[in-house]
C-alpha atoms as a PDB file:
ATOM      1  CA  MET A   1     -49.558 -15.053  62.337  1.00  0.00           C
ATOM      2  CA  ALA A   2     -50.946 -11.983  64.079  1.00  0.00           C
ATOM      3  CA  VAL A   3     -48.336 -11.058  67.000  1.00  0.00           C
ATOM      4  CA  THR A   4     -49.792  -8.718  70.004  1.00  0.00           C
ATOM      5  CA  LEU A   5     -47.502  -7.249  72.661  1.00  0.00           C
ATOM      6  CA  ARG A   6     -49.331  -7.405  75.937  1.00  0.00           C
ATOM      7  CA  LEU A   7     -49.156  -8.083  79.721  1.00  0.00           C
ATOM      8  CA  MET A   8     -49.167 -11.326  81.329  1.00  0.00           C
ATOM      9  CA  ARG A   9     -50.108 -11.247  85.074  1.00  0.00           C
ATOM     10  CA  PHE A  10     -48.250 -13.144  87.582  1.00  0.00           C
ATOM     11  CA  GLY A  11     -47.576 -12.912  91.441  1.00  0.00           C
ATOM     12  CA  LYS A  12     -49.979 -13.600  94.374  1.00  0.00           C
ATOM     13  CA  ARG A  13     -53.194 -12.115  95.151  1.00  0.00           C
ATOM     14  CA  LYS A  14     -53.012  -8.135  95.906  1.00  0.00           C
ATOM     15  CA  GLN A  15     -49.255  -8.487  94.846  1.00  0.00           C
ATOM     16  CA  PRO A  16     -49.182  -8.228  90.836  1.00  0.00           C
ATOM     17  CA  PHE A  17     -46.388  -8.695  88.668  1.00  0.00           C
ATOM     18  CA  TYR A  18     -46.683  -8.542  84.791  1.00  0.00           C
ATOM     19  CA  ARG A  19     -44.370  -9.647  82.028  1.00  0.00           C
ATOM     20  CA  ILE A  20     -44.530  -7.684  78.774  1.00  0.00           C
ATOM     21  CA  VAL A  21     -44.459 -10.436  76.127  1.00  0.00           C
ATOM     22  CA  ALA A  22     -45.024 -10.885  72.356  1.00  0.00           C
ATOM     23  CA  LEU A  23     -47.520 -13.751  71.646  1.00  0.00           C
ATOM     24  CA  ASP A  24     -49.957 -15.010  68.991  1.00  0.00           C
ATOM     25  CA  LYS A  25     -53.234 -12.803  68.976  1.00  0.00           C
ATOM     26  CA  ARG A  26     -55.348 -16.018  69.382  1.00  0.00           C
ATOM     27  CA  LYS A  27     -53.758 -17.321  72.453  1.00  0.00           C
ATOM     28  CA  LYS A  28     -55.038 -16.541  76.078  1.00  0.00           C
ATOM     29  CA  ARG A  29     -53.766 -13.928  78.303  1.00  0.00           C
ATOM     30  CA  ASP A  30     -51.353 -16.374  80.198  1.00  0.00           C
ATOM     31  CA  GLY A  31     -50.883 -18.902  77.193  1.00  0.00           C
ATOM     32  CA  ALA A  32     -47.608 -19.754  75.579  1.00  0.00           C
ATOM     33  CA  TYR A  33     -45.753 -16.626  74.336  1.00  0.00           C
ATOM     34  CA  ILE A  34     -43.206 -16.009  71.657  1.00  0.00           C
ATOM     35  CA  GLU A  35     -40.732 -13.862  73.617  1.00  0.00           C
ATOM     36  CA  ARG A  36     -40.454 -11.860  76.874  1.00  0.00           C
ATOM     37  CA  ILE A  37     -39.529  -8.430  76.217  1.00  0.00           C
ATOM     38  CA  GLY A  38     -39.910  -6.583  79.531  1.00  0.00           C
ATOM     39  CA  VAL A  39     -41.495  -6.432  83.254  1.00  0.00           C
ATOM     40  CA  TYR A  40     -43.906  -4.171  84.764  1.00  0.00           C
ATOM     41  CA  ASN A  41     -44.095  -4.127  88.678  1.00  0.00           C
ATOM     42  CA  PRO A  42     -47.059  -1.680  89.848  1.00  0.00           C
ATOM     43  CA  LEU A  43     -45.736  -1.660  93.337  1.00  0.00           C
ATOM     44  CA  LEU A  44     -42.799   0.066  92.673  1.00  0.00           C
ATOM     45  CA  ALA A  45     -42.801   4.094  92.679  1.00  0.00           C
ATOM     46  CA  ASP A  46     -40.308   4.906  90.096  1.00  0.00           C
ATOM     47  CA  LYS A  47     -39.004   3.064  86.897  1.00  0.00           C
ATOM     48  CA  ASN A  48     -41.533   0.168  87.419  1.00  0.00           C
ATOM     49  CA  ILE A  49     -41.428  -0.750  83.608  1.00  0.00           C
ATOM     50  CA  GLN A  50     -38.159  -2.298  82.085  1.00  0.00           C
ATOM     51  CA  ILE A  51     -38.165  -2.988  78.391  1.00  0.00           C
ATOM     52  CA  VAL A  52     -35.624  -4.339  76.108  1.00  0.00           C
ATOM     53  CA  LYS A  53     -35.860  -1.403  73.507  1.00  0.00           C
ATOM     54  CA  GLU A  54     -34.284  -3.399  70.566  1.00  0.00           C
ATOM     55  CA  ARG A  55     -36.754  -6.299  70.780  1.00  0.00           C
ATOM     56  CA  PHE A  56     -39.862  -3.723  71.194  1.00  0.00           C
ATOM     57  CA  GLU A  57     -38.802  -2.044  68.240  1.00  0.00           C
ATOM     58  CA  PHE A  58     -38.152  -5.406  66.319  1.00  0.00           C
ATOM     59  CA  TRP A  59     -41.661  -6.486  67.031  1.00  0.00           C
ATOM     60  CA  LYS A  60     -43.250  -3.236  66.071  1.00  0.00           C
ATOM     61  CA  GLN A  61     -41.544  -3.205  62.807  1.00  0.00           C
ATOM     62  CA  ARG A  62     -42.861  -6.534  62.067  1.00  0.00           C
ATOM     63  CA  GLY A  63     -46.182  -5.309  62.510  1.00  0.00           C
ATOM     64  CA  ALA A  64     -47.151  -6.420  66.128  1.00  0.00           C
ATOM     65  CA  GLN A  65     -50.212  -4.561  67.753  1.00  0.00           C
ATOM     66  CA  VAL A  66     -49.679  -3.118  71.195  1.00  0.00           C
ATOM     67  CA  SER A  67     -52.443  -4.049  73.503  1.00  0.00           C
ATOM     68  CA  GLU A  68     -54.750  -1.337  74.959  1.00  0.00           C
ATOM     69  CA  GLY A  69     -53.382  -1.859  78.639  1.00  0.00           C
ATOM     70  CA  LEU A  70     -49.722  -1.664  77.560  1.00  0.00           C
ATOM     71  CA  SER A  71     -50.208   1.382  75.339  1.00  0.00           C
ATOM     72  CA  ARG A  72     -51.752   3.240  78.320  1.00  0.00           C
ATOM     73  CA  LEU A  73     -48.663   2.263  80.356  1.00  0.00           C
ATOM     74  CA  LEU A  74     -46.037   3.362  77.687  1.00  0.00           C
ATOM     75  CA  THR A  75     -47.686   6.973  77.895  1.00  0.00           C
ATOM     76  CA  HIS A  76     -45.683   7.766  81.086  1.00  0.00           C
ATOM     77  CA  PRO A  77     -42.116   7.874  79.908  1.00  0.00           C
ATOM     78  CA  LYS A  78     -40.719   8.505  83.302  1.00  0.00           C
ATOM     79  CA  HIS A  79     -41.673   5.238  84.432  1.00  0.00           C
ATOM     80  CA  ILE A  80     -39.960   3.360  81.724  1.00  0.00           C
ATOM     81  CA  GLU A  81     -36.375   1.926  81.924  1.00  0.00           C
ATOM     82  CA  TYR A  82     -34.957   0.831  78.648  1.00  0.00           C
ATOM     83  CA  LYS A  83     -32.277  -1.992  78.479  1.00  0.00           C
END
């Protein structure tokens, strides 16, 4: 099974809120996921990305691919808060 780490969109219109999840690559964006490993709130100014570092590293070691959108977010380390 090919696993991808990506964003799932939640929230109302013009008030987005994203979960960072590990899911099967063949599933839809908002389909069933394997595990939630963090959240991203673009409406906050600082520390708007919260990730459980141990689970993120676990999935990376298992060969999970990081989606393009999530990889762009992770290039800004000052906005990330690890738990």
